[in-house]
């Protein structure tokens, strides 16, 4: 079992920046991929970014390329999402996730609202 706790969400004006953080605890020794999904009201959950255990970035959603940066510190089992040049379309609940050999685990989500 792995527990995930996200932090760093909130309200930001368009063009601003936020940094999300996710802390993993429990059976973290077998964590492989870490990443972020988001879900906006009335829309399907969307993969935002993912990063391998080595620190190699696996993917970014086209809508965030050049604006968001994913990183991780495997020594302390944390993954981060630096979000710059935020747009109203980035408004969503952001979920941290990890993959293990036993399955995928999700955080409870953190709300990001981009509005003037």
Protein backbone atom coordinates (compact mmCIF):
# COMPACT_ATOMS: atom_id res chain seq x y z
CA UNK A 1 0.00 0.00 0.00
CA UNK A 2 1.07 3.53 -0.81
CA UNK A 3 -0.42 6.74 0.53
CA UNK A 4 -0.17 9.94 -1.49
CA UNK A 5 -0.73 13.47 -0.22
CA UNK A 6 -0.81 16.42 -2.59
CA UNK A 7 -0.26 20.05 -1.68
CA UNK A 8 0.27 23.38 -3.39
CA UNK A 9 -3.02 23.97 -5.15
CA UNK A 10 -5.01 27.16 -4.90
CA UNK A 11 -6.28 30.20 -6.76
CA UNK A 12 -4.00 31.97 -9.21
CA UNK A 13 -4.44 34.66 -11.82
CA UNK A 14 -3.81 33.87 -15.47
CA UNK A 15 -0.11 34.03 -16.24
CA UNK A 16 0.86 33.11 -12.71
CA UNK A 17 2.66 30.07 -11.35
CA UNK A 18 1.96 27.32 -8.86
CA UNK A 19 4.01 24.37 -7.69
CA UNK A 20 2.29 21.14 -6.74
CA UNK A 21 3.96 18.63 -4.49
CA UNK A 22 3.08 15.01 -3.76
CA UNK A 23 4.52 12.99 -0.91
CA UNK A 24 4.39 9.19 -1.03
CA UNK A 25 4.56 6.99 2.04
CA UNK A 26 4.13 3.30 2.80
CA UNK A 27 5.51 0.67 0.42
CA UNK A 28 7.48 3.20 -1.56
CA UNK A 29 10.47 0.99 -2.35
CA UNK A 30 8.75 -0.41 -5.45
CA UNK A 31 7.44 2.85 -6.93
CA UNK A 32 8.18 3.08 -10.62
CA UNK A 33 6.40 5.87 -12.48
CA UNK A 34 5.12 8.98 -10.71
CA UNK A 35 2.94 11.59 -12.30
CA UNK A 36 -0.03 13.88 -12.39
CA UNK A 37 -3.50 13.69 -13.85
CA UNK A 38 -6.14 16.39 -13.81
CA UNK A 39 -9.89 16.49 -14.16
CA UNK A 40 -11.89 19.57 -15.00
CA UNK A 41 -15.64 19.79 -14.36
CA UNK A 42 -17.56 17.84 -16.97
CA UNK A 43 -14.41 16.48 -18.57
CA UNK A 44 -12.55 13.18 -18.47
CA UNK A 45 -9.43 12.73 -16.40
CA UNK A 46 -6.36 13.77 -18.41
CA UNK A 47 -2.74 12.72 -18.01
CA UNK A 48 -0.70 15.87 -17.45
CA UNK A 49 2.83 14.53 -17.00
CA UNK A 50 4.71 11.41 -15.95
CA UNK A 51 8.27 10.70 -14.88
CA UNK A 52 10.22 7.48 -14.49
CA UNK A 53 12.12 6.34 -11.39
CA UNK A 54 15.36 7.41 -13.10
CA UNK A 55 14.08 10.96 -13.42
CA UNK A 56 13.51 10.68 -17.16
CA UNK A 57 10.37 12.50 -18.18
CA UNK A 58 8.04 10.10 -19.91
CA UNK A 59 5.45 12.48 -21.29
CA UNK A 60 3.63 15.79 -21.08
CA UNK A 61 0.15 16.56 -22.33
CA UNK A 62 0.34 18.72 -25.44
CA UNK A 63 -1.66 21.42 -23.67
CA UNK A 64 1.03 21.92 -21.00
CA UNK A 65 4.25 21.46 -22.96
CA UNK A 66 6.59 24.39 -22.46
CA UNK A 67 4.65 25.62 -19.43
CA UNK A 68 4.70 22.76 -16.91
CA UNK A 69 7.71 20.88 -15.60
CA UNK A 70 7.57 17.59 -13.72
CA UNK A 71 10.37 16.48 -11.42
CA UNK A 72 10.89 13.98 -8.65
CA UNK A 73 13.14 13.27 -5.72
CA UNK A 74 13.17 9.50 -5.43
CA UNK A 75 15.25 9.64 -2.25
CA UNK A 76 12.32 11.19 -0.38
CA UNK A 77 9.53 9.82 -2.58
CA UNK A 78 8.22 13.14 -3.79
CA UNK A 79 7.05 14.31 -7.17
CA UNK A 80 6.53 17.93 -8.17
CA UNK A 81 4.70 19.82 -10.88
CA UNK A 82 5.88 23.35 -11.60
CA UNK A 83 3.12 25.14 -13.46
CA UNK A 84 3.97 28.41 -15.19
CA UNK A 85 1.98 30.70 -17.48
CA UNK A 86 -1.22 29.32 -16.05
CA UNK A 87 -4.37 29.61 -18.15
CA UNK A 88 -8.03 29.41 -17.13
CA UNK A 89 -8.14 26.10 -19.03
CA UNK A 90 -5.74 24.66 -16.44
CA UNK A 91 -8.47 24.86 -13.81
CA UNK A 92 -9.02 21.35 -12.52
CA UNK A 93 -8.48 18.97 -9.65
CA UNK A 94 -4.93 17.65 -9.93
CA UNK A 95 -4.23 14.11 -8.81
CA UNK A 96 -0.87 12.59 -8.04
CA UNK A 97 -0.41 8.95 -8.99
CA UNK A 98 2.25 6.27 -8.76
CA UNK A 99 2.65 2.89 -10.38
CA UNK A 100 3.95 -0.18 -8.63
CA UNK A 101 4.13 -3.82 -9.67
CA UNK A 102 1.02 -4.33 -7.52
CA UNK A 103 -1.02 -1.60 -9.19
CA UNK A 104 -1.63 2.14 -9.34
CA UNK A 105 -2.29 4.45 -6.42
CA UNK A 106 -3.88 7.90 -6.37
CA UNK A 107 -3.93 10.90 -4.10
CA UNK A 108 -7.06 12.67 -2.98
CA UNK A 109 -6.51 15.57 -5.36
CA UNK A 110 -5.78 19.28 -4.98
CA UNK A 111 -7.84 22.03 -6.59
CA UNK A 112 -6.16 24.47 -8.96
CA UNK A 113 -8.25 27.44 -10.06
CA UNK A 114 -6.96 29.94 -12.58
CA UNK A 115 -9.10 33.03 -12.69
CA UNK A 116 -8.84 36.79 -12.65
